[in-house]
Amino acid sequence: MSEHVVDVSWSRGEHEFTYDTYSRDHHWHFDGGITVPGSANPAYLGNPGPVDPEEAFVAALSSCHMLTFLAIAAKKRLVVDSYDDHAVGVMAKNEAGRLAITQVTLHPKITFAGQTPDAEALERMHHRAHLECFIANSVTTEVIVAG
């Protein structure tokens, strides 16, 4: 149906190439012209400034859920003024004993203009957003929407 391309680039530069010394810094080049600096998580000898893949994974799940939720709200003719999420990913060993982001908990805070859905309707909207989110449908990570 669609293809999504990101170019990832890294070079050694003047660093030695041993496990403890090579730079984890790299760049993600997106088709819209945006370049995002990336690195490994500091726990894996990365630079704390750039985005690490684990953070990007959590952000992708949160962003996809939000965009799907907004589409559902718009189709219901509900007006959303703001949507903020504090998404938290947990790295742990999966069933195979390998490290993975095993759980992502979303904490969306939504402000509506005019009509505001009740708690039950809001939960149904989040459930539907989760079911229809492309990213959530692409991973085995448990995704929780916490009120």
N, C-alpha and C. Protein backbone atom coordinates (compact mmCIF):
# COMPACT_ATOMS: atom_id res chain seq x y z
N MET A 1 0.81 -1.20 0.00
CA MET A 1 0.00 0.00 0.00
C MET A 1 0.85 1.26 0.00
N SER A 2 1.87 1.30 0.85
CA SER A 2 2.76 2.45 0.87
C SER A 2 4.13 2.01 1.34
N GLU A 3 5.10 2.83 1.03
CA GLU A 3 6.48 2.53 1.39
C GLU A 3 7.02 3.71 2.18
N HIS A 4 7.82 3.43 3.19
CA HIS A 4 8.34 4.48 4.05
C HIS A 4 9.85 4.31 4.16
N VAL A 5 10.57 5.33 3.72
CA VAL A 5 12.02 5.23 3.58
C VAL A 5 12.72 6.21 4.51
N VAL A 6 13.71 5.73 5.22
CA VAL A 6 14.58 6.56 6.05
C VAL A 6 16.00 6.15 5.71
N ASP A 7 16.86 7.12 5.49
CA ASP A 7 18.27 6.83 5.29
C ASP A 7 18.99 7.05 6.61
N VAL A 8 19.75 6.07 7.04
CA VAL A 8 20.52 6.15 8.27
C VAL A 8 21.99 6.17 7.89
N SER A 9 22.73 7.15 8.44
CA SER A 9 24.15 7.23 8.07
C SER A 9 25.02 7.37 9.32
N TRP A 10 26.15 6.71 9.27
CA TRP A 10 27.14 6.72 10.33
C TRP A 10 28.51 6.65 9.67
N SER A 11 29.48 7.29 10.29
CA SER A 11 30.86 7.10 9.83
C SER A 11 31.77 7.11 11.05
N ARG A 12 32.87 6.42 10.93
CA ARG A 12 33.81 6.26 12.04
C ARG A 12 34.49 7.58 12.38
N GLY A 13 34.74 8.40 11.38
CA GLY A 13 35.47 9.64 11.63
C GLY A 13 36.87 9.34 12.10
N GLU A 14 37.32 10.07 13.10
CA GLU A 14 38.68 9.89 13.60
C GLU A 14 38.73 9.00 14.84
N HIS A 15 37.62 8.40 15.19
CA HIS A 15 37.57 7.54 16.38
C HIS A 15 38.22 6.19 16.08
N GLU A 16 38.78 5.60 17.12
CA GLU A 16 39.22 4.21 17.00
C GLU A 16 37.98 3.35 16.84
N PHE A 17 38.15 2.16 16.28
CA PHE A 17 37.00 1.28 16.16
C PHE A 17 37.20 0.07 17.06
N THR A 18 36.97 0.32 18.36
CA THR A 18 36.88 -0.77 19.33
C THR A 18 35.54 -0.60 20.01
N TYR A 19 35.05 -1.64 20.67
CA TYR A 19 33.71 -1.57 21.27
C TYR A 19 33.56 -0.38 22.21
N ASP A 20 34.57 -0.11 23.01
CA ASP A 20 34.47 0.98 23.98
C ASP A 20 34.69 2.37 23.40
N THR A 21 35.23 2.48 22.18
CA THR A 21 35.61 3.80 21.68
C THR A 21 34.85 4.29 20.45
N TYR A 22 34.24 3.41 19.67
CA TYR A 22 33.61 3.93 18.45
C TYR A 22 32.39 4.77 18.79
N SER A 23 32.15 5.79 17.99
CA SER A 23 31.02 6.69 18.20
C SER A 23 29.72 6.00 17.80
N ARG A 24 28.73 6.17 18.64
CA ARG A 24 27.39 5.64 18.34
C ARG A 24 26.54 6.70 17.63
N ASP A 25 27.07 7.90 17.48
CA ASP A 25 26.32 8.99 16.85
C ASP A 25 26.11 8.72 15.36
N HIS A 26 24.92 9.01 14.90
CA HIS A 26 24.56 8.81 13.50
C HIS A 26 23.42 9.77 13.16
N HIS A 27 22.91 9.72 11.96
CA HIS A 27 21.81 10.59 11.53
C HIS A 27 20.73 9.79 10.83
N TRP A 28 19.49 10.21 11.07
CA TRP A 28 18.33 9.68 10.35
C TRP A 28 17.90 10.77 9.39
N HIS A 29 17.84 10.45 8.11
CA HIS A 29 17.45 11.41 7.07
C HIS A 29 16.07 10.98 6.55
N PHE A 30 15.08 11.85 6.77
CA PHE A 30 13.72 11.55 6.35
C PHE A 30 13.42 12.19 5.01
N ASP A 31 12.47 11.61 4.27
CA ASP A 31 12.19 12.06 2.91
C ASP A 31 11.67 13.49 2.84
N GLY A 32 11.17 14.05 3.93
CA GLY A 32 10.70 15.43 3.92
C GLY A 32 11.82 16.44 4.11
N GLY A 33 13.05 15.96 4.22
CA GLY A 33 14.19 16.84 4.36
C GLY A 33 14.69 17.02 5.78
N ILE A 34 14.01 16.42 6.75
CA ILE A 34 14.42 16.54 8.14
C ILE A 34 15.54 15.54 8.43
N THR A 35 16.55 16.00 9.13
CA THR A 35 17.62 15.12 9.61
C THR A 35 17.59 15.15 11.14
N VAL A 36 17.56 13.97 11.73
CA VAL A 36 17.51 13.85 13.18
C VAL A 36 18.78 13.17 13.66
N PRO A 37 19.47 13.80 14.62
CA PRO A 37 20.66 13.14 15.17
C PRO A 37 20.24 11.96 16.05
N GLY A 38 20.92 10.86 15.89
CA GLY A 38 20.65 9.66 16.67
C GLY A 38 21.92 9.18 17.34
N SER A 39 21.73 8.37 18.37
CA SER A 39 22.85 7.74 19.06
C SER A 39 22.30 6.54 19.81
N ALA A 40 23.17 5.78 20.40
CA ALA A 40 22.72 4.71 21.29
C ALA A 40 22.30 5.34 22.61
N ASN A 41 21.53 4.62 23.38
CA ASN A 41 21.21 5.04 24.73
C ASN A 41 22.51 5.15 25.51
N PRO A 42 22.62 6.12 26.42
CA PRO A 42 23.86 6.25 27.21
C PRO A 42 24.26 4.97 27.94
N ALA A 43 23.30 4.14 28.30
CA ALA A 43 23.63 2.87 28.96
C ALA A 43 24.44 1.96 28.03
N TYR A 44 24.38 2.23 26.73
CA TYR A 44 25.10 1.43 25.73
C TYR A 44 26.16 2.29 25.04
N LEU A 45 26.76 3.20 25.82
CA LEU A 45 27.88 4.05 25.39
C LEU A 45 27.50 5.11 24.37
N GLY A 46 26.22 5.46 24.33
CA GLY A 46 25.77 6.49 23.40
C GLY A 46 25.85 7.88 24.00
N ASN A 47 25.63 8.84 23.17
CA ASN A 47 25.61 10.25 23.52
C ASN A 47 24.22 10.57 24.07
N PRO A 48 24.09 11.23 25.22
CA PRO A 48 22.77 11.50 25.79
C PRO A 48 21.96 12.55 25.04
N GLY A 49 22.57 13.32 24.16
CA GLY A 49 21.86 14.39 23.46
C GLY A 49 20.92 13.93 22.36
N PRO A 50 21.37 13.14 21.41
CA PRO A 50 20.51 12.72 20.30
C PRO A 50 19.43 11.72 20.72
N VAL A 51 18.52 11.47 19.82
CA VAL A 51 17.45 10.50 20.05
C VAL A 51 18.03 9.10 19.92
N ASP A 52 17.67 8.22 20.86
CA ASP A 52 18.11 6.83 20.70
C ASP A 52 16.97 5.99 20.15
N PRO A 53 17.26 4.84 19.55
CA PRO A 53 16.22 4.03 18.91
C PRO A 53 15.07 3.65 19.85
N GLU A 54 15.38 3.43 21.11
CA GLU A 54 14.33 3.05 22.06
C GLU A 54 13.35 4.20 22.26
N GLU A 55 13.88 5.42 22.40
CA GLU A 55 13.02 6.61 22.53
C GLU A 55 12.19 6.80 21.26
N ALA A 56 12.80 6.61 20.12
CA ALA A 56 12.09 6.78 18.85
C ALA A 56 10.96 5.76 18.72
N PHE A 57 11.19 4.56 19.18
CA PHE A 57 10.16 3.51 19.15
C PHE A 57 8.97 3.92 20.00
N VAL A 58 9.24 4.38 21.22
CA VAL A 58 8.17 4.82 22.12
C VAL A 58 7.44 6.01 21.51
N ALA A 59 8.20 6.96 20.95
CA ALA A 59 7.59 8.13 20.32
C ALA A 59 6.71 7.73 19.13
N ALA A 60 7.15 6.75 18.34
CA ALA A 60 6.37 6.31 17.19
C ALA A 60 5.04 5.70 17.64
N LEU A 61 5.06 4.90 18.69
CA LEU A 61 3.81 4.32 19.21
C LEU A 61 2.88 5.41 19.73
N SER A 62 3.42 6.35 20.50
CA SER A 62 2.62 7.43 21.05
C SER A 62 2.04 8.31 19.95
N SER A 63 2.87 8.67 19.00
CA SER A 63 2.44 9.53 17.89
C SER A 63 1.36 8.86 17.06
N CYS A 64 1.54 7.60 16.74
CA CYS A 64 0.57 6.86 15.94
C CYS A 64 -0.77 6.77 16.68
N HIS A 65 -0.72 6.46 17.98
CA HIS A 65 -1.95 6.39 18.76
C HIS A 65 -2.66 7.74 18.76
N MET A 66 -1.90 8.82 18.97
CA MET A 66 -2.48 10.15 18.97
C MET A 66 -3.14 10.49 17.64
N LEU A 67 -2.42 10.27 16.55
CA LEU A 67 -2.95 10.60 15.23
C LEU A 67 -4.21 9.79 14.91
N THR A 68 -4.23 8.53 15.32
CA THR A 68 -5.40 7.70 15.10
C THR A 68 -6.56 8.18 15.97
N PHE A 69 -6.26 8.52 17.22
CA PHE A 69 -7.29 9.05 18.13
C PHE A 69 -7.89 10.33 17.57
N LEU A 70 -7.03 11.25 17.09
CA LEU A 70 -7.52 12.51 16.53
C LEU A 70 -8.43 12.28 15.33
N ALA A 71 -8.09 11.32 14.50
CA ALA A 71 -8.94 10.99 13.35
C ALA A 71 -10.30 10.48 13.81
N ILE A 72 -10.30 9.63 14.82
CA ILE A 72 -11.56 9.10 15.35
C ILE A 72 -12.39 10.23 15.94
N ALA A 73 -11.77 11.11 16.71
CA ALA A 73 -12.49 12.24 17.31
C ALA A 73 -13.08 13.14 16.23
N ALA A 74 -12.30 13.43 15.20
CA ALA A 74 -12.78 14.30 14.12
C ALA A 74 -13.98 13.68 13.40
N LYS A 75 -13.92 12.37 13.16
CA LYS A 75 -15.04 11.69 12.50
C LYS A 75 -16.29 11.68 13.37
N LYS A 76 -16.10 11.76 14.69
CA LYS A 76 -17.23 11.83 15.63
C LYS A 76 -17.68 13.28 15.84
N ARG A 77 -17.03 14.20 15.15
CA ARG A 77 -17.31 15.63 15.25
C ARG A 77 -17.05 16.18 16.66
N LEU A 78 -16.06 15.56 17.33
CA LEU A 78 -15.59 16.07 18.60
C LEU A 78 -14.39 16.96 18.30
N VAL A 79 -14.32 18.10 18.94
CA VAL A 79 -13.23 19.05 18.68
C VAL A 79 -12.18 18.90 19.78
N VAL A 80 -10.97 18.53 19.39
CA VAL A 80 -9.86 18.38 20.32
C VAL A 80 -9.03 19.66 20.27
N ASP A 81 -8.85 20.27 21.43
CA ASP A 81 -8.00 21.47 21.52
C ASP A 81 -6.54 21.11 21.74
N SER A 82 -6.29 20.08 22.54
CA SER A 82 -4.91 19.67 22.79
C SER A 82 -4.85 18.20 23.17
N TYR A 83 -3.71 17.61 22.89
CA TYR A 83 -3.46 16.21 23.21
C TYR A 83 -2.00 16.15 23.63
N ASP A 84 -1.76 15.78 24.86
CA ASP A 84 -0.39 15.63 25.36
C ASP A 84 -0.24 14.23 25.94
N ASP A 85 0.89 13.63 25.70
CA ASP A 85 1.13 12.28 26.19
C ASP A 85 2.51 12.21 26.84
N HIS A 86 2.57 11.49 27.93
CA HIS A 86 3.85 11.17 28.59
C HIS A 86 4.00 9.66 28.44
N ALA A 87 4.63 9.23 27.35
CA ALA A 87 4.75 7.81 27.02
C ALA A 87 6.00 7.24 27.69
N VAL A 88 5.85 6.05 28.28
CA VAL A 88 6.95 5.41 28.99
C VAL A 88 7.14 4.00 28.46
N GLY A 89 8.34 3.72 27.96
CA GLY A 89 8.67 2.38 27.48
C GLY A 89 9.53 1.65 28.50
N VAL A 90 9.29 0.37 28.65
CA VAL A 90 10.05 -0.46 29.59
C VAL A 90 10.88 -1.46 28.81
N MET A 91 12.20 -1.44 29.07
CA MET A 91 13.11 -2.41 28.47
C MET A 91 13.27 -3.55 29.47
N ALA A 92 13.00 -4.77 29.00
CA ALA A 92 13.13 -5.95 29.85
C ALA A 92 13.39 -7.14 28.93
N LYS A 93 13.64 -8.27 29.53
CA LYS A 93 13.81 -9.48 28.72
C LYS A 93 12.44 -9.97 28.28
N ASN A 94 12.36 -10.34 27.00
CA ASN A 94 11.11 -10.87 26.46
C ASN A 94 11.03 -12.37 26.73
N GLU A 95 10.01 -13.01 26.17
CA GLU A 95 9.81 -14.45 26.41
C GLU A 95 10.98 -15.30 25.93
N ALA A 96 11.73 -14.79 24.95
CA ALA A 96 12.89 -15.52 24.44
C ALA A 96 14.15 -15.21 25.24
N GLY A 97 14.02 -14.37 26.28
CA GLY A 97 15.17 -14.03 27.10
C GLY A 97 16.04 -12.93 26.51
N ARG A 98 15.54 -12.22 25.49
CA ARG A 98 16.29 -11.15 24.84
C ARG A 98 15.74 -9.79 25.28
N LEU A 99 16.62 -8.79 25.35
CA LEU A 99 16.18 -7.45 25.70
C LEU A 99 15.28 -6.88 24.61
N ALA A 100 14.19 -6.26 25.05
CA ALA A 100 13.23 -5.67 24.12
C ALA A 100 12.44 -4.60 24.87
N ILE A 101 11.84 -3.70 24.14
CA ILE A 101 10.85 -2.81 24.75
C ILE A 101 9.61 -3.69 24.87
N THR A 102 9.34 -4.14 26.08
CA THR A 102 8.26 -5.11 26.29
C THR A 102 6.93 -4.47 26.62
N GLN A 103 6.97 -3.19 27.01
CA GLN A 103 5.72 -2.52 27.36
C GLN A 103 5.88 -1.02 27.15
N VAL A 104 4.84 -0.42 26.61
CA VAL A 104 4.78 1.03 26.48
C VAL A 104 3.47 1.47 27.10
N THR A 105 3.55 2.39 28.05
CA THR A 105 2.34 2.92 28.67
C THR A 105 2.17 4.37 28.21
N LEU A 106 1.02 4.64 27.65
CA LEU A 106 0.67 5.98 27.20
C LEU A 106 -0.15 6.64 28.30
N HIS A 107 0.10 7.92 28.52
CA HIS A 107 -0.65 8.70 29.52
C HIS A 107 -1.23 9.94 28.83
N PRO A 108 -2.18 9.75 27.92
CA PRO A 108 -2.71 10.90 27.19
C PRO A 108 -3.58 11.80 28.06
N LYS A 109 -3.40 13.09 27.87
CA LYS A 109 -4.23 14.12 28.49
C LYS A 109 -4.83 14.92 27.34
N ILE A 110 -6.15 14.88 27.23
CA ILE A 110 -6.82 15.46 26.09
C ILE A 110 -7.78 16.55 26.57
N THR A 111 -7.74 17.68 25.87
CA THR A 111 -8.68 18.76 26.15
C THR A 111 -9.59 18.91 24.94
N PHE A 112 -10.88 18.86 25.19
CA PHE A 112 -11.87 19.01 24.14
C PHE A 112 -12.50 20.39 24.22
N ALA A 113 -12.95 20.91 23.10
CA ALA A 113 -13.75 22.13 23.05
C ALA A 113 -15.20 21.68 22.89
N GLY A 114 -16.08 22.26 23.64
CA GLY A 114 -17.49 21.87 23.51
C GLY A 114 -17.75 20.52 24.13
N GLN A 115 -18.38 19.66 23.36
CA GLN A 115 -18.77 18.34 23.86
C GLN A 115 -17.54 17.51 24.25
N THR A 116 -17.58 16.96 25.46
CA THR A 116 -16.50 16.10 25.97
C THR A 116 -17.07 14.71 26.18
N PRO A 117 -16.45 13.69 25.61
CA PRO A 117 -16.96 12.33 25.81
C PRO A 117 -16.81 11.91 27.28
N ASP A 118 -17.74 11.07 27.75
CA ASP A 118 -17.61 10.56 29.11
C ASP A 118 -16.48 9.53 29.16
N ALA A 119 -16.15 9.08 30.36
CA ALA A 119 -15.00 8.18 30.55
C ALA A 119 -15.14 6.90 29.73
N GLU A 120 -16.34 6.35 29.66
CA GLU A 120 -16.56 5.11 28.91
C GLU A 120 -16.35 5.33 27.41
N ALA A 121 -16.89 6.42 26.89
CA ALA A 121 -16.72 6.73 25.46
C ALA A 121 -15.26 7.01 25.14
N LEU A 122 -14.58 7.72 26.04
CA LEU A 122 -13.17 8.01 25.84
C LEU A 122 -12.35 6.72 25.82
N GLU A 123 -12.66 5.79 26.71
CA GLU A 123 -11.96 4.50 26.72
C GLU A 123 -12.20 3.74 25.42
N ARG A 124 -13.42 3.76 24.91
CA ARG A 124 -13.73 3.10 23.63
C ARG A 124 -12.93 3.73 22.49
N MET A 125 -12.82 5.05 22.51
CA MET A 125 -12.05 5.74 21.46
C MET A 125 -10.58 5.35 21.53
N HIS A 126 -10.02 5.28 22.74
CA HIS A 126 -8.62 4.86 22.88
C HIS A 126 -8.45 3.41 22.45
N HIS A 127 -9.39 2.56 22.78
CA HIS A 127 -9.30 1.15 22.38
C HIS A 127 -9.31 1.04 20.86
N ARG A 128 -10.21 1.78 20.23
CA ARG A 128 -10.28 1.75 18.76
C ARG A 128 -9.00 2.32 18.15
N ALA A 129 -8.48 3.41 18.75
CA ALA A 129 -7.23 4.00 18.25
C ALA A 129 -6.10 2.98 18.33
N HIS A 130 -6.06 2.23 19.43
CA HIS A 130 -5.03 1.20 19.56
C HIS A 130 -5.19 0.12 18.49
N LEU A 131 -6.41 -0.31 18.26
CA LEU A 131 -6.65 -1.36 17.27
C LEU A 131 -6.31 -0.91 15.86
N GLU A 132 -6.47 0.37 15.58
CA GLU A 132 -6.25 0.89 14.22
C GLU A 132 -4.88 1.51 14.02
N CYS A 133 -4.09 1.66 15.07
CA CYS A 133 -2.76 2.28 14.97
C CYS A 133 -1.83 1.36 14.18
N PHE A 134 -1.27 1.87 13.08
CA PHE A 134 -0.39 1.07 12.22
C PHE A 134 0.83 0.55 12.97
N ILE A 135 1.40 1.40 13.82
CA ILE A 135 2.61 1.01 14.53
C ILE A 135 2.30 -0.06 15.56
N ALA A 136 1.23 0.14 16.34
CA ALA A 136 0.85 -0.86 17.34
C ALA A 136 0.56 -2.21 16.67
N ASN A 137 0.00 -2.16 15.47
CA ASN A 137 -0.28 -3.40 14.74
C ASN A 137 0.98 -4.05 14.19
N SER A 138 2.09 -3.35 14.25
CA SER A 138 3.35 -3.84 13.69
C SER A 138 4.30 -4.43 14.73
N VAL A 139 3.95 -4.36 15.99
CA VAL A 139 4.88 -4.79 17.04
C VAL A 139 4.23 -5.77 18.00
N THR A 140 5.06 -6.45 18.76
CA THR A 140 4.56 -7.38 19.78
C THR A 140 4.56 -6.76 21.17
N THR A 141 5.06 -5.55 21.29
CA THR A 141 5.10 -4.85 22.58
C THR A 141 3.70 -4.63 23.10
N GLU A 142 3.51 -4.86 24.39
CA GLU A 142 2.23 -4.53 25.01
C GLU A 142 2.10 -3.04 25.11
N VAL A 143 0.99 -2.48 24.64
CA VAL A 143 0.74 -1.06 24.72
C VAL A 143 -0.45 -0.84 25.64
N ILE A 144 -0.25 -0.01 26.67
CA ILE A 144 -1.29 0.26 27.66
C ILE A 144 -1.62 1.75 27.57
N VAL A 145 -2.91 2.06 27.56
CA VAL A 145 -3.34 3.45 27.65
C VAL A 145 -3.84 3.67 29.07
N ALA A 146 -3.10 4.43 29.84
CA ALA A 146 -3.45 4.68 31.23
C ALA A 146 -4.17 6.02 31.33
N GLY A 147 -5.22 6.05 32.10
CA GLY A 147 -6.00 7.27 32.27
C GLY A 147 -5.23 8.25 33.03
